[in-house]
C-alpha cells in the first residue's frame, strides 16, 4: 500500500507474549516462542520492540516497521510524517 494512504504515523511499544498469555522479558526472546504481541506503555520493562504504525482514513492501523529502540522508531515515524502523511499536506 502506498505510504501516502496513511493520515498519520505513530510509535508504540509492543510486548511479546507466550502461549499462556504471559509477557516474555526481552532477554528471554531467544528461548521462548512468541505467540502474540500486545500494546505496552513506554515504561513497561517487557517491551520487546518499538513499532511504527500508519493510520488509514477508516482509523485502522498497519504495523509498518519494528525497531529495537524507541528513538529509531520515532525517527522513522517523523520522517514518514514529514514526507508521506496526508495530515502533513
N, C-alpha and C. Protein backbone atom coordinates (compact mmCIF):
# COMPACT_ATOMS: atom_id res chain seq x y z
N UNK A 1 0.84 -1.16 0.00
CA UNK A 1 0.00 0.00 0.00
C UNK A 1 0.90 1.24 0.00
N UNK A 2 0.56 2.24 -0.80
CA UNK A 2 1.37 3.47 -0.83
C UNK A 2 1.35 4.17 0.53
N UNK A 3 2.48 4.68 0.93
CA UNK A 3 2.56 5.36 2.21
C UNK A 3 1.71 6.62 2.25
N UNK A 4 1.38 7.18 1.10
CA UNK A 4 0.55 8.38 1.07
C UNK A 4 -0.90 8.10 1.49
N UNK A 5 -1.29 6.84 1.60
CA UNK A 5 -2.64 6.50 2.05
C UNK A 5 -2.82 6.70 3.55
N UNK A 6 -1.73 6.85 4.27
CA UNK A 6 -1.81 7.00 5.73
C UNK A 6 -2.00 8.46 6.11
N UNK A 7 -2.87 8.68 7.09
CA UNK A 7 -3.15 10.04 7.56
C UNK A 7 -2.17 10.49 8.62
N UNK A 8 -1.64 9.54 9.36
CA UNK A 8 -0.63 9.87 10.36
C UNK A 8 0.14 8.61 10.72
N UNK A 9 1.23 8.83 11.44
CA UNK A 9 2.10 7.73 11.87
C UNK A 9 2.36 7.90 13.36
N UNK A 10 2.50 6.76 14.06
CA UNK A 10 2.82 6.84 15.49
C UNK A 10 3.67 5.64 15.90
N UNK A 11 4.28 5.77 17.07
CA UNK A 11 5.16 4.74 17.62
C UNK A 11 4.50 4.16 18.86
N UNK A 12 4.59 2.84 19.00
CA UNK A 12 4.02 2.17 20.17
C UNK A 12 4.90 1.00 20.56
N UNK A 13 5.16 0.86 21.84
CA UNK A 13 5.90 -0.30 22.33
C UNK A 13 5.03 -1.54 22.30
N UNK A 14 5.65 -2.67 22.00
CA UNK A 14 4.94 -3.95 21.98
C UNK A 14 5.64 -4.94 22.92
N UNK A 15 4.84 -5.73 23.60
CA UNK A 15 5.35 -6.78 24.47
C UNK A 15 5.00 -8.12 23.84
N UNK A 16 6.00 -8.98 23.73
CA UNK A 16 5.78 -10.34 23.23
C UNK A 16 5.15 -11.17 24.34
N UNK A 17 4.22 -12.06 23.93
CA UNK A 17 3.58 -12.95 24.89
C UNK A 17 3.78 -14.40 24.47
N UNK A 18 3.88 -15.27 25.47
CA UNK A 18 3.99 -16.70 25.20
C UNK A 18 2.60 -17.30 25.05
N UNK A 19 2.53 -18.60 24.84
CA UNK A 19 1.24 -19.27 24.61
C UNK A 19 0.29 -19.17 25.80
N UNK A 20 0.80 -18.89 26.99
CA UNK A 20 -0.05 -18.77 28.17
C UNK A 20 -0.49 -17.33 28.42
N UNK A 21 -0.13 -16.42 27.49
CA UNK A 21 -0.52 -15.03 27.62
C UNK A 21 0.35 -14.21 28.55
N UNK A 22 1.45 -14.78 28.99
CA UNK A 22 2.36 -14.07 29.88
C UNK A 22 3.40 -13.30 29.07
N UNK A 23 3.84 -12.14 29.58
CA UNK A 23 4.86 -11.39 28.86
C UNK A 23 6.20 -12.13 28.87
N UNK A 24 6.93 -11.97 27.79
CA UNK A 24 8.26 -12.57 27.68
C UNK A 24 9.27 -11.44 27.87
N UNK A 25 10.10 -11.53 28.90
CA UNK A 25 11.13 -10.50 29.08
C UNK A 25 12.05 -10.46 27.85
N UNK A 26 12.49 -9.28 27.44
CA UNK A 26 13.32 -9.17 26.23
C UNK A 26 14.54 -10.10 26.23
N UNK A 27 15.13 -10.33 27.39
CA UNK A 27 16.32 -11.19 27.45
C UNK A 27 15.98 -12.67 27.23
N UNK A 28 14.71 -13.02 27.25
CA UNK A 28 14.29 -14.41 27.06
C UNK A 28 13.68 -14.68 25.69
N UNK A 29 13.69 -13.71 24.80
CA UNK A 29 13.05 -13.88 23.49
C UNK A 29 13.66 -15.00 22.66
N UNK A 30 14.93 -15.29 22.86
CA UNK A 30 15.59 -16.36 22.11
C UNK A 30 15.18 -17.74 22.60
N UNK A 31 14.64 -17.81 23.82
CA UNK A 31 14.36 -19.10 24.44
C UNK A 31 12.88 -19.47 24.47
N UNK A 32 12.00 -18.49 24.32
CA UNK A 32 10.56 -18.73 24.46
C UNK A 32 9.86 -18.35 23.16
N UNK A 33 8.96 -19.22 22.69
CA UNK A 33 8.23 -18.94 21.45
C UNK A 33 7.23 -17.82 21.66
N UNK A 34 7.26 -16.86 20.76
CA UNK A 34 6.32 -15.73 20.80
C UNK A 34 5.05 -16.12 20.06
N UNK A 35 3.90 -15.93 20.71
CA UNK A 35 2.61 -16.26 20.11
C UNK A 35 1.91 -14.99 19.63
N UNK A 36 2.05 -13.91 20.38
CA UNK A 36 1.40 -12.66 20.02
C UNK A 36 2.16 -11.48 20.61
N UNK A 37 1.73 -10.30 20.19
CA UNK A 37 2.26 -9.06 20.75
C UNK A 37 1.09 -8.22 21.21
N UNK A 38 1.27 -7.49 22.30
CA UNK A 38 0.25 -6.57 22.80
C UNK A 38 0.88 -5.20 23.00
N UNK A 39 0.03 -4.16 22.92
CA UNK A 39 0.50 -2.80 23.15
C UNK A 39 0.97 -2.65 24.58
N UNK A 40 1.98 -1.82 24.75
CA UNK A 40 2.52 -1.54 26.08
C UNK A 40 2.77 -0.05 26.21
N UNK A 41 2.83 0.41 27.46
CA UNK A 41 3.20 1.81 27.64
C UNK A 41 4.72 1.92 27.68
N UNK A 42 5.19 3.14 27.58
CA UNK A 42 6.64 3.38 27.46
C UNK A 42 7.45 2.86 28.64
N UNK A 43 6.84 2.75 29.80
CA UNK A 43 7.60 2.34 30.99
C UNK A 43 7.61 0.83 31.22
N UNK A 44 6.93 0.07 30.39
CA UNK A 44 6.87 -1.39 30.58
C UNK A 44 8.26 -1.99 30.36
N UNK A 45 8.80 -2.71 31.34
CA UNK A 45 10.13 -3.29 31.20
C UNK A 45 10.19 -4.45 30.21
N UNK A 46 9.03 -4.95 29.78
CA UNK A 46 9.00 -6.09 28.87
C UNK A 46 8.83 -5.71 27.41
N UNK A 47 8.94 -4.42 27.07
CA UNK A 47 8.82 -4.02 25.67
C UNK A 47 9.90 -4.76 24.88
N UNK A 48 9.46 -5.50 23.86
CA UNK A 48 10.41 -6.27 23.07
C UNK A 48 10.73 -5.61 21.73
N UNK A 49 9.84 -4.71 21.30
CA UNK A 49 10.08 -3.99 20.04
C UNK A 49 9.27 -2.70 20.06
N UNK A 50 9.75 -1.74 19.31
CA UNK A 50 9.03 -0.48 19.12
C UNK A 50 8.52 -0.47 17.71
N UNK A 51 7.21 -0.39 17.56
CA UNK A 51 6.58 -0.49 16.25
C UNK A 51 6.19 0.89 15.72
N UNK A 52 6.34 1.05 14.41
CA UNK A 52 5.86 2.24 13.71
C UNK A 52 4.56 1.84 13.02
N UNK A 53 3.49 2.55 13.33
CA UNK A 53 2.18 2.27 12.76
C UNK A 53 1.74 3.41 11.87
N UNK A 54 1.01 3.06 10.81
CA UNK A 54 0.36 4.04 9.96
C UNK A 54 -1.13 3.94 10.15
N UNK A 55 -1.82 5.09 10.20
CA UNK A 55 -3.27 5.14 10.42
C UNK A 55 -3.95 5.50 9.10
N UNK A 56 -4.91 4.68 8.72
CA UNK A 56 -5.69 4.92 7.50
C UNK A 56 -6.93 5.76 7.81
N UNK A 57 -7.61 6.23 6.78
CA UNK A 57 -8.78 7.09 6.93
C UNK A 57 -9.88 6.43 7.76
N UNK A 58 -10.01 5.10 7.68
CA UNK A 58 -11.06 4.40 8.44
C UNK A 58 -10.63 4.09 9.88
N UNK A 59 -9.51 4.66 10.30
CA UNK A 59 -8.95 4.50 11.65
C UNK A 59 -8.27 3.16 11.90
N UNK A 60 -8.20 2.30 10.88
CA UNK A 60 -7.45 1.05 11.04
C UNK A 60 -5.96 1.38 11.00
N UNK A 61 -5.15 0.50 11.56
CA UNK A 61 -3.71 0.73 11.61
C UNK A 61 -2.96 -0.43 11.00
N UNK A 62 -1.83 -0.11 10.41
CA UNK A 62 -0.92 -1.12 9.88
C UNK A 62 0.43 -0.97 10.57
N UNK A 63 1.02 -2.10 10.96
CA UNK A 63 2.37 -2.09 11.50
C UNK A 63 3.32 -2.00 10.31
N UNK A 64 4.09 -0.92 10.25
CA UNK A 64 4.98 -0.69 9.12
C UNK A 64 6.43 -1.10 9.39
N UNK A 65 6.83 -1.07 10.65
CA UNK A 65 8.22 -1.41 10.99
C UNK A 65 8.33 -1.75 12.46
N UNK A 66 9.21 -2.67 12.79
CA UNK A 66 9.56 -2.99 14.17
C UNK A 66 11.01 -2.58 14.37
N UNK A 67 11.28 -1.86 15.45
CA UNK A 67 12.61 -1.29 15.68
C UNK A 67 13.12 -1.68 17.07
N UNK A 68 14.44 -1.75 17.22
CA UNK A 68 15.00 -2.15 18.51
C UNK A 68 14.92 -1.07 19.59
N UNK A 69 14.78 0.21 19.18
CA UNK A 69 14.70 1.29 20.17
C UNK A 69 13.59 2.26 19.80
N UNK A 70 13.10 2.96 20.82
CA UNK A 70 12.07 3.97 20.58
C UNK A 70 12.61 5.09 19.72
N UNK A 71 13.87 5.47 19.93
CA UNK A 71 14.46 6.57 19.17
C UNK A 71 14.49 6.27 17.67
N UNK A 72 14.85 5.06 17.31
CA UNK A 72 14.87 4.68 15.88
C UNK A 72 13.45 4.70 15.33
N UNK A 73 12.51 4.12 16.06
CA UNK A 73 11.12 4.09 15.60
C UNK A 73 10.56 5.50 15.44
N UNK A 74 10.87 6.38 16.39
CA UNK A 74 10.37 7.75 16.31
C UNK A 74 10.97 8.50 15.14
N UNK A 75 12.25 8.25 14.86
CA UNK A 75 12.89 8.89 13.71
C UNK A 75 12.22 8.46 12.40
N UNK A 76 11.88 7.17 12.31
CA UNK A 76 11.19 6.67 11.12
C UNK A 76 9.79 7.29 11.02
N UNK A 77 9.05 7.31 12.11
CA UNK A 77 7.70 7.88 12.11
C UNK A 77 7.73 9.37 11.75
N UNK A 78 8.68 10.10 12.30
CA UNK A 78 8.80 11.53 11.99
C UNK A 78 9.12 11.75 10.52
N UNK A 79 10.01 10.94 9.98
CA UNK A 79 10.36 11.05 8.56
C UNK A 79 9.17 10.73 7.67
N UNK A 80 8.44 9.67 8.01
CA UNK A 80 7.25 9.32 7.24
C UNK A 80 6.20 10.42 7.33
N UNK A 81 6.02 10.98 8.51
CA UNK A 81 5.04 12.07 8.68
C UNK A 81 5.40 13.27 7.82
N UNK A 82 6.68 13.58 7.76
CA UNK A 82 7.11 14.75 7.02
C UNK A 82 7.00 14.57 5.52
N UNK A 83 7.10 13.34 5.04
CA UNK A 83 7.13 13.11 3.60
C UNK A 83 5.90 12.45 3.02
N UNK A 84 5.12 11.71 3.83
CA UNK A 84 4.02 10.91 3.26
C UNK A 84 2.65 11.14 3.89
N UNK A 85 2.58 11.75 5.02
CA UNK A 85 1.30 11.85 5.72
C UNK A 85 0.38 12.86 5.06
N UNK A 86 -0.90 12.48 4.91
CA UNK A 86 -1.90 13.41 4.37
C UNK A 86 -2.10 14.56 5.33
N UNK A 87 -1.89 14.32 6.63
CA UNK A 87 -2.04 15.37 7.61
C UNK A 87 -0.95 16.42 7.45
N UNK A 88 0.19 16.02 6.93
CA UNK A 88 1.30 16.96 6.75
C UNK A 88 1.11 17.83 5.52
N UNK A 89 0.20 17.46 4.63
CA UNK A 89 0.00 18.20 3.40
C UNK A 89 -0.74 19.49 3.62
